[in-house]
C-alpha atoms as a PDB file:
ATOM      1  CA  UNK A   1      57.649  25.834 -27.707  1.00  0.00           C
ATOM      2  CA  UNK A   2      54.589  23.458 -28.706  1.00  0.00           C
ATOM      3  CA  UNK A   3      53.836  23.511 -24.882  1.00  0.00           C
ATOM      4  CA  UNK A   4      53.821  27.249 -24.773  1.00  0.00           C
ATOM      5  CA  UNK A   5      51.531  27.476 -27.714  1.00  0.00           C
ATOM      6  CA  UNK A   6      48.880  25.072 -25.957  1.00  0.00           C
ATOM      7  CA  UNK A   7      49.516  27.078 -22.627  1.00  0.00           C
ATOM      8  CA  UNK A   8      49.033  30.635 -23.519  1.00  0.00           C
ATOM      9  CA  UNK A   9      45.079  30.561 -24.521  1.00  0.00           C
ATOM     10  CA  UNK A  10      44.587  27.912 -21.591  1.00  0.00           C
ATOM     11  CA  UNK A  11      45.797  30.391 -19.072  1.00  0.00           C
ATOM     12  CA  UNK A  12      44.118  33.315 -21.104  1.00  0.00           C
ATOM     13  CA  UNK A  13      40.819  31.448 -21.127  1.00  0.00           C
ATOM     14  CA  UNK A  14      40.830  30.061 -17.626  1.00  0.00           C
ATOM     15  CA  UNK A  15      42.983  32.894 -15.762  1.00  0.00           C
ATOM     16  CA  UNK A  16      40.405  35.407 -17.067  1.00  0.00           C
ATOM     17  CA  UNK A  17      37.424  33.597 -16.130  1.00  0.00           C
ATOM     18  CA  UNK A  18      38.814  33.167 -12.821  1.00  0.00           C
ATOM     19  CA  UNK A  19      40.182  36.604 -12.142  1.00  0.00           C
ATOM     20  CA  UNK A  20      36.694  37.863 -13.604  1.00  0.00           C
ATOM     21  CA  UNK A  21      34.902  35.758 -11.153  1.00  0.00           C
ATOM     22  CA  UNK A  22      36.905  36.895  -8.165  1.00  0.00           C
ATOM     23  CA  UNK A  23      36.689  40.475  -8.553  1.00  0.00           C
ATOM     24  CA  UNK A  24      33.573  42.688  -7.954  1.00  0.00           C
ATOM     25  CA  UNK A  25      34.014  44.564 -11.220  1.00  0.00           C
ATOM     26  CA  UNK A  26      33.434  40.845 -12.887  1.00  0.00           C
ATOM     27  CA  UNK A  27      30.544  40.023 -10.901  1.00  0.00           C
ATOM     28  CA  UNK A  28      29.023  43.190 -11.865  1.00  0.00           C
ATOM     29  CA  UNK A  29      28.816  42.394 -15.293  1.00  0.00           C
ATOM     30  CA  UNK A  30      26.418  39.438 -15.336  1.00  0.00           C
ATOM     31  CA  UNK A  31      22.720  40.009 -15.020  1.00  0.00           C
ATOM     32  CA  UNK A  32      22.303  36.235 -14.012  1.00  0.00           C
ATOM     33  CA  UNK A  33      23.483  34.281 -11.005  1.00  0.00           C
ATOM     34  CA  UNK A  34      24.834  30.987  -9.886  1.00  0.00           C
ATOM     35  CA  UNK A  35      26.083  28.437 -12.840  1.00  0.00           C
ATOM     36  CA  UNK A  36      24.722  30.541 -15.437  1.00  0.00           C
ATOM     37  CA  UNK A  37      26.672  33.641 -14.782  1.00  0.00           C
ATOM     38  CA  UNK A  38      30.092  31.245 -14.474  1.00  0.00           C
ATOM     39  CA  UNK A  39      28.930  29.910 -18.092  1.00  0.00           C
ATOM     40  CA  UNK A  40      28.751  33.403 -19.297  1.00  0.00           C
ATOM     41  CA  UNK A  41      32.141  34.452 -18.281  1.00  0.00           C
ATOM     42  CA  UNK A  42      33.668  31.516 -19.276  1.00  0.00           C
ATOM     43  CA  UNK A  43      32.137  31.673 -22.605  1.00  0.00           C
ATOM     44  CA  UNK A  44      33.136  35.186 -22.838  1.00  0.00           C
ATOM     45  CA  UNK A  45      36.643  34.379 -22.345  1.00  0.00           C
ATOM     46  CA  UNK A  46      37.091  31.073 -24.283  1.00  0.00           C
ATOM     47  CA  UNK A  47      35.433  33.141 -27.582  1.00  0.00           C
ATOM     48  CA  UNK A  48      37.791  36.143 -26.797  1.00  0.00           C
ATOM     49  CA  UNK A  49      41.035  33.699 -26.449  1.00  0.00           C
ATOM     50  CA  UNK A  50      40.110  30.905 -29.154  1.00  0.00           C
ATOM     51  CA  UNK A  51      37.291  32.574 -31.608  1.00  0.00           C
ATOM     52  CA  UNK A  52      35.972  35.570 -32.561  1.00  0.00           C
ATOM     53  CA  UNK A  53      35.454  37.660 -29.247  1.00  0.00           C
ATOM     54  CA  UNK A  54      31.736  37.243 -28.829  1.00  0.00           C
ATOM     55  CA  UNK A  55      29.609  36.797 -25.456  1.00  0.00           C
ATOM     56  CA  UNK A  56      25.996  35.795 -23.794  1.00  0.00           C
ATOM     57  CA  UNK A  57      23.440  38.483 -23.998  1.00  0.00           C
ATOM     58  CA  UNK A  58      23.176  38.560 -20.252  1.00  0.00           C
ATOM     59  CA  UNK A  59      26.984  39.506 -19.947  1.00  0.00           C
ATOM     60  CA  UNK A  60      27.491  43.267 -20.034  1.00  0.00           C
ATOM     61  CA  UNK A  61      30.754  43.138 -21.983  1.00  0.00           C
ATOM     62  CA  UNK A  62      30.701  46.611 -22.704  1.00  0.00           C
ATOM     63  CA  UNK A  63      32.271  47.716 -19.463  1.00  0.00           C
ATOM     64  CA  UNK A  64      35.808  49.032 -19.045  1.00  0.00           C
ATOM     65  CA  UNK A  65      36.682  45.980 -16.990  1.00  0.00           C
ATOM     66  CA  UNK A  66      35.575  43.374 -19.578  1.00  0.00           C
ATOM     67  CA  UNK A  67      36.765  45.549 -22.824  1.00  0.00           C
ATOM     68  CA  UNK A  68      40.027  45.578 -21.069  1.00  0.00           C
ATOM     69  CA  UNK A  69      40.148  41.564 -19.773  1.00  0.00           C
ATOM     70  CA  UNK A  70      38.696  40.451 -22.860  1.00  0.00           C
ATOM     71  CA  UNK A  71      40.748  42.681 -25.020  1.00  0.00           C
ATOM     72  CA  UNK A  72      44.137  41.408 -23.448  1.00  0.00           C
ATOM     73  CA  UNK A  73      42.935  37.814 -23.359  1.00  0.00           C
ATOM     74  CA  UNK A  74      42.201  38.034 -26.915  1.00  0.00           C
ATOM     75  CA  UNK A  75      45.730  40.099 -27.696  1.00  0.00           C
ATOM     76  CA  UNK A  76      47.896  37.345 -25.639  1.00  0.00           C
ATOM     77  CA  UNK A  77      45.893  34.546 -27.232  1.00  0.00           C
ATOM     78  CA  UNK A  78      46.418  35.550 -30.626  1.00  0.00           C
ATOM     79  CA  UNK A  79      49.436  38.104 -30.990  1.00  0.00           C
ATOM     80  CA  UNK A  80      51.604  36.058 -28.663  1.00  0.00           C
ATOM     81  CA  UNK A  81      50.968  32.575 -30.093  1.00  0.00           C
ATOM     82  CA  UNK A  82      53.246  34.010 -33.009  1.00  0.00           C
ATOM     83  CA  UNK A  83      56.531  34.084 -31.609  1.00  0.00           C
ATOM     84  CA  UNK A  84      56.528  30.374 -30.196  1.00  0.00           C
ATOM     85  CA  UNK A  85      55.078  29.196 -33.656  1.00  0.00           C
ATOM     86  CA  UNK A  86      57.922  30.920 -35.506  1.00  0.00           C
ATOM     87  CA  UNK A  87      60.298  29.583 -32.771  1.00  0.00           C
ATOM     88  CA  UNK A  88      59.435  26.195 -33.329  1.00  0.00           C
ATOM     89  CA  UNK A  89      59.136  26.655 -37.190  1.00  0.00           C
ATOM     90  CA  UNK A  90      62.842  27.919 -37.231  1.00  0.00           C
ATOM     91  CA  UNK A  91      63.827  24.954 -34.835  1.00  0.00           C
ATOM     92  CA  UNK A  92      62.020  22.563 -37.061  1.00  0.00           C
ATOM     93  CA  UNK A  93      63.741  23.953 -40.286  1.00  0.00           C
ATOM     94  CA  UNK A  94      67.062  23.941 -38.561  1.00  0.00           C
ATOM     95  CA  UNK A  95      67.057  20.282 -37.914  1.00  0.00           C
ATOM     96  CA  UNK A  96      68.953  17.878 -40.050  1.00  0.00           C
ATOM     97  CA  UNK A  97      66.997  15.006 -41.744  1.00  0.00           C
ATOM     98  CA  UNK A  98      67.326  11.702 -40.103  1.00  0.00           C
ATOM     99  CA  UNK A  99      66.720   8.785 -42.037  1.00  0.00           C
ATOM    100  CA  UNK A 100      63.450   6.547 -40.612  1.00  0.00           C
ATOM    101  CA  UNK A 101      64.257   3.755 -38.562  1.00  0.00           C
ATOM    102  CA  UNK A 102      62.757   1.038 -36.753  1.00  0.00           C
ATOM    103  CA  UNK A 103      61.625   3.421 -33.923  1.00  0.00           C
ATOM    104  CA  UNK A 104      60.003   6.337 -35.944  1.00  0.00           C
ATOM    105  CA  UNK A 105      56.129   6.554 -35.935  1.00  0.00           C
ATOM    106  CA  UNK A 106      55.489   7.399 -39.348  1.00  0.00           C
ATOM    107  CA  UNK A 107      52.612  10.320 -39.766  1.00  0.00           C
ATOM    108  CA  UNK A 108      50.816   9.087 -42.610  1.00  0.00           C
ATOM    109  CA  UNK A 109      49.218   5.955 -40.538  1.00  0.00           C
ATOM    110  CA  UNK A 110      46.196   5.557 -38.581  1.00  0.00           C
ATOM    111  CA  UNK A 111      48.211   4.594 -35.415  1.00  0.00           C
ATOM    112  CA  UNK A 112      49.643   8.237 -35.776  1.00  0.00           C
ATOM    113  CA  UNK A 113      46.235   9.808 -36.334  1.00  0.00           C
ATOM    114  CA  UNK A 114      44.659   7.785 -33.218  1.00  0.00           C
ATOM    115  CA  UNK A 115      47.514   8.953 -31.437  1.00  0.00           C
ATOM    116  CA  UNK A 116      47.132  12.507 -32.203  1.00  0.00           C
ATOM    117  CA  UNK A 117      43.026  12.208 -31.708  1.00  0.00           C
ATOM    118  CA  UNK A 118      43.904  10.855 -28.109  1.00  0.00           C
ATOM    119  CA  UNK A 119      46.354  13.773 -27.292  1.00  0.00           C
ATOM    120  CA  UNK A 120      44.063  16.046 -28.579  1.00  0.00           C
ATOM    121  CA  UNK A 121      40.949  14.819 -26.658  1.00  0.00           C
ATOM    122  CA  UNK A 122      42.854  14.031 -23.086  1.00  0.00           C
ATOM    123  CA  UNK A 123      44.661  17.699 -23.124  1.00  0.00           C
ATOM    124  CA  UNK A 124      41.337  19.233 -23.613  1.00  0.00           C
ATOM    125  CA  UNK A 125      39.458  17.030 -21.110  1.00  0.00           C
ATOM    126  CA  UNK A 126      41.975  17.738 -18.564  1.00  0.00           C
ATOM    127  CA  UNK A 127      42.000  21.627 -19.043  1.00  0.00           C
ATOM    128  CA  UNK A 128      38.561  22.424 -19.751  1.00  0.00           C
ATOM    129  CA  UNK A 129      36.450  19.674 -18.064  1.00  0.00           C
ATOM    130  CA  UNK A 130      36.607  21.070 -14.240  1.00  0.00           C
ATOM    131  CA  UNK A 131      35.599  24.410 -15.501  1.00  0.00           C
ATOM    132  CA  UNK A 132      32.616  23.065 -17.503  1.00  0.00           C
ATOM    133  CA  UNK A 133      31.673  20.750 -14.254  1.00  0.00           C
ATOM    134  CA  UNK A 134      31.355  24.215 -12.547  1.00  0.00           C
ATOM    135  CA  UNK A 135      29.229  26.166 -15.310  1.00  0.00           C
ATOM    136  CA  UNK A 136      27.415  24.553 -18.062  1.00  0.00           C
ATOM    137  CA  UNK A 137      27.308  21.089 -16.522  1.00  0.00           C
ATOM    138  CA  UNK A 138      25.568  22.173 -13.447  1.00  0.00           C
ATOM    139  CA  UNK A 139      23.376  24.488 -15.229  1.00  0.00           C
ATOM    140  CA  UNK A 140      21.786  21.695 -17.208  1.00  0.00           C
ATOM    141  CA  UNK A 141      21.717  19.831 -14.237  1.00  0.00           C
ATOM    142  CA  UNK A 142      19.827  21.768 -12.561  1.00  0.00           C
ATOM    143  CA  UNK A 143      17.583  22.705 -15.423  1.00  0.00           C
ATOM    144  CA  UNK A 144      16.424  19.330 -15.987  1.00  0.00           C
ATOM    145  CA  UNK A 145      16.977  18.052 -12.391  1.00  0.00           C
ATOM    146  CA  UNK A 146      14.472  20.923 -11.250  1.00  0.00           C
ATOM    147  CA  UNK A 147      11.419  19.217 -12.638  1.00  0.00           C
END
């Protein structure tokens, strides 16, 4: 269930960006071209799926295509996360307590915090670095490399 909670926003952000870049209706909403256009679309879906639903000024997000796509991304990323989260909570509540043993990793130690931060960074990097490399990183390199 926790993997589903991680994967739903990922699929909404990256899948919505991919569909918008592939379709003519998605490409028609961007005022810029190249890496900046990809960054605008990626930001719109990242914001709709994970945050407040804002978009860059260069993206015409008030079109039927983007209203529908961003609304679906927001709906799935927010509403459908509740179901696996509640299922996970129910499964954890139904578990019987087991006494701590030699193989137990206590959750109040710095080692657990280090593992948790490491897992979040690795999963986040493996998930979004390819998309960031196509958009914002290329845009930054083009901006400062073209002096």
